[in-house]
Amino acid sequence: MNGPAQTEIQGGITAAGGFLAVGVHCGIKKQKRDLALVVSTVPAVAGAVFTSSDHLTAAAVHQRLSRQGKQVGIATVYRTLELLVESGLIRLHEFGDGFRRYEGATPQGSHGHLVCSSCGGVEEFATERLERMLPIIADEHQFRYRTHPVELHGTCRGCQHRALEGL
């Protein structure tokens, strides 16, 4: 893209660190205006995801932005989240509750998720024992793995306690 549209788009991505190239590389071919709109929302959407301690849905991201006075359509939030996932800056999770949830991709290492089937709560955990075992398991099966998302589904302590109170 050349000319004024490029300047306008670059102005929108200064804080986003080159997301236009990522978006074009990922095959997102939108009209210049739509692309500029998505790219200009990257800092706000990424900020909403990274500053949350929860695993947010697109609707929750949209609500947070609305509360901050940012007028961004829900479709733009979805497109921006897709761009951020494709760029590797945020991670997409589907915990079996019918919603896509997002979290920031951090360099602190991997972690797993404990997903409560009763209340829908999600708690993160990390354990060195699991990290040490995975390469051993893969090696035993002559398997090279790249990632290892871990989700344990069950009932959280709070729901277990509430169930016992009802007896």
Foldseek 3Di string as FASTA:
>chain_A
DDDPLVVLLCVLQVVVPPLLVLCVVVVPDDPSVLSSLLNNCLVLLLVLQAVDPAFAFLVRSVVVCVVVVHDDDSVSSVVNVVSCCSVVQKHWDDPPPPTITIHGDDPPDDWEWEAEPPPRGIDIGDDVVVVVVVVVVCVVVVHDDDDDYHYHYYHDPVVVVVVVVVD
